[in-house]
Amino acid sequence: MLFEITEEMKQKIREWDSCKPIDVTGAKFSYVFTPTSLGLVIDVQCDICKRELNLTEDW
């Protein structure tokens, strides 16, 4: 399987993001890809504030 974040998804993440990274690496997101019988569920989780953004298309 190929898991990709499109440019449109990257733009949605930028608009949704409001947290500042708290470590040196600048990492703050977890990307969760869940294959289902109906398609691929894509979630982005902020490790700082614990919010979640669903990027699943056509749901």
C-alpha atoms as a PDB file:
ATOM      1  CA  MET A   1       0.000   0.000   0.000  1.00  0.00           C
ATOM      2  CA  LEU A   2       1.094   3.537  -0.661  1.00  0.00           C
ATOM      3  CA  PHE A   3       0.305   6.173   1.973  1.00  0.00           C
ATOM      4  CA  GLU A   4       0.550   9.736   0.681  1.00  0.00           C
ATOM      5  CA  ILE A   5      -0.266  13.233   1.903  1.00  0.00           C
ATOM      6  CA  THR A   6      -1.340  15.368  -1.077  1.00  0.00           C
ATOM      7  CA  GLU A   7      -0.636  19.079  -1.487  1.00  0.00           C
ATOM      8  CA  GLU A   8      -4.307  19.785  -0.716  1.00  0.00           C
ATOM      9  CA  MET A   9      -3.992  17.830   2.543  1.00  0.00           C
ATOM     10  CA  LYS A  10      -0.794  19.695   3.436  1.00  0.00           C
ATOM     11  CA  GLN A  11      -2.678  22.987   2.986  1.00  0.00           C
ATOM     12  CA  LYS A  12      -5.493  21.787   5.291  1.00  0.00           C
ATOM     13  CA  ILE A  13      -2.889  20.819   7.917  1.00  0.00           C
ATOM     14  CA  ARG A  14      -1.235  24.262   7.686  1.00  0.00           C
ATOM     15  CA  GLU A  15      -4.605  25.995   8.136  1.00  0.00           C
ATOM     16  CA  TRP A  16      -5.514  23.733  11.093  1.00  0.00           C
ATOM     17  CA  ASP A  17      -2.122  23.931  12.841  1.00  0.00           C
ATOM     18  CA  SER A  18      -1.862  26.452  15.671  1.00  0.00           C
ATOM     19  CA  CYS A  19       0.760  24.863  17.969  1.00  0.00           C
ATOM     20  CA  LYS A  20       4.434  25.649  18.301  1.00  0.00           C
ATOM     21  CA  PRO A  21       6.850  22.691  18.439  1.00  0.00           C
ATOM     22  CA  ILE A  22       8.283  22.112  21.902  1.00  0.00           C
ATOM     23  CA  ASP A  23      11.373  20.076  21.027  1.00  0.00           C
ATOM     24  CA  VAL A  24      14.454  20.664  18.917  1.00  0.00           C
ATOM     25  CA  THR A  25      13.304  18.507  15.997  1.00  0.00           C
ATOM     26  CA  GLY A  26      10.139  20.513  15.396  1.00  0.00           C
ATOM     27  CA  ALA A  27       8.083  17.325  15.270  1.00  0.00           C
ATOM     28  CA  LYS A  28       4.528  17.667  16.514  1.00  0.00           C
ATOM     29  CA  PHE A  29       2.259  15.469  14.374  1.00  0.00           C
ATOM     30  CA  SER A  30       1.411  11.790  14.151  1.00  0.00           C
ATOM     31  CA  TYR A  31      -0.011  10.608  10.852  1.00  0.00           C
ATOM     32  CA  VAL A  32      -2.371   7.634  11.152  1.00  0.00           C
ATOM     33  CA  PHE A  33      -3.408   5.690   8.037  1.00  0.00           C
ATOM     34  CA  THR A  34      -6.139   3.088   8.602  1.00  0.00           C
ATOM     35  CA  PRO A  35      -7.120   0.899   5.652  1.00  0.00           C
ATOM     36  CA  THR A  36     -10.771  -0.221   5.792  1.00  0.00           C
ATOM     37  CA  SER A  37     -13.105  -2.046   3.452  1.00  0.00           C
ATOM     38  CA  LEU A  38     -14.599   1.347   2.503  1.00  0.00           C
ATOM     39  CA  GLY A  39     -11.291   3.080   1.796  1.00  0.00           C
ATOM     40  CA  LEU A  40      -8.378   4.692   3.586  1.00  0.00           C
ATOM     41  CA  VAL A  41      -8.963   6.742   6.753  1.00  0.00           C
ATOM     42  CA  ILE A  42      -6.315   9.443   7.273  1.00  0.00           C
ATOM     43  CA  ASP A  43      -5.957  11.253  10.599  1.00  0.00           C
ATOM     44  CA  VAL A  44      -3.387  13.769  11.785  1.00  0.00           C
ATOM     45  CA  GLN A  45      -2.896  14.027  15.545  1.00  0.00           C
ATOM     46  CA  CYS A  46      -1.152  16.950  17.243  1.00  0.00           C
ATOM     47  CA  ASP A  47       1.227  15.618  19.896  1.00  0.00           C
ATOM     48  CA  ILE A  48       1.160  18.965  21.731  1.00  0.00           C
ATOM     49  CA  CYS A  49      -2.530  19.825  22.140  1.00  0.00           C
ATOM     50  CA  LYS A  50      -3.957  16.341  21.328  1.00  0.00           C
ATOM     51  CA  ARG A  51      -6.367  17.643  18.666  1.00  0.00           C
ATOM     52  CA  GLU A  52      -7.138  15.478  15.668  1.00  0.00           C
ATOM     53  CA  LEU A  53      -7.775  16.381  12.027  1.00  0.00           C
ATOM     54  CA  ASN A  54      -9.486  13.897   9.728  1.00  0.00           C
ATOM     55  CA  LEU A  55      -8.286  14.123   6.134  1.00  0.00           C
ATOM     56  CA  THR A  56     -10.327  11.242   4.760  1.00  0.00           C
ATOM     57  CA  GLU A  57     -11.710  12.150   1.357  1.00  0.00           C
ATOM     58  CA  ASP A  58     -15.225  11.293   0.150  1.00  0.00           C
ATOM     59  CA  TRP A  59     -16.661  10.331   3.544  1.00  0.00           C
END
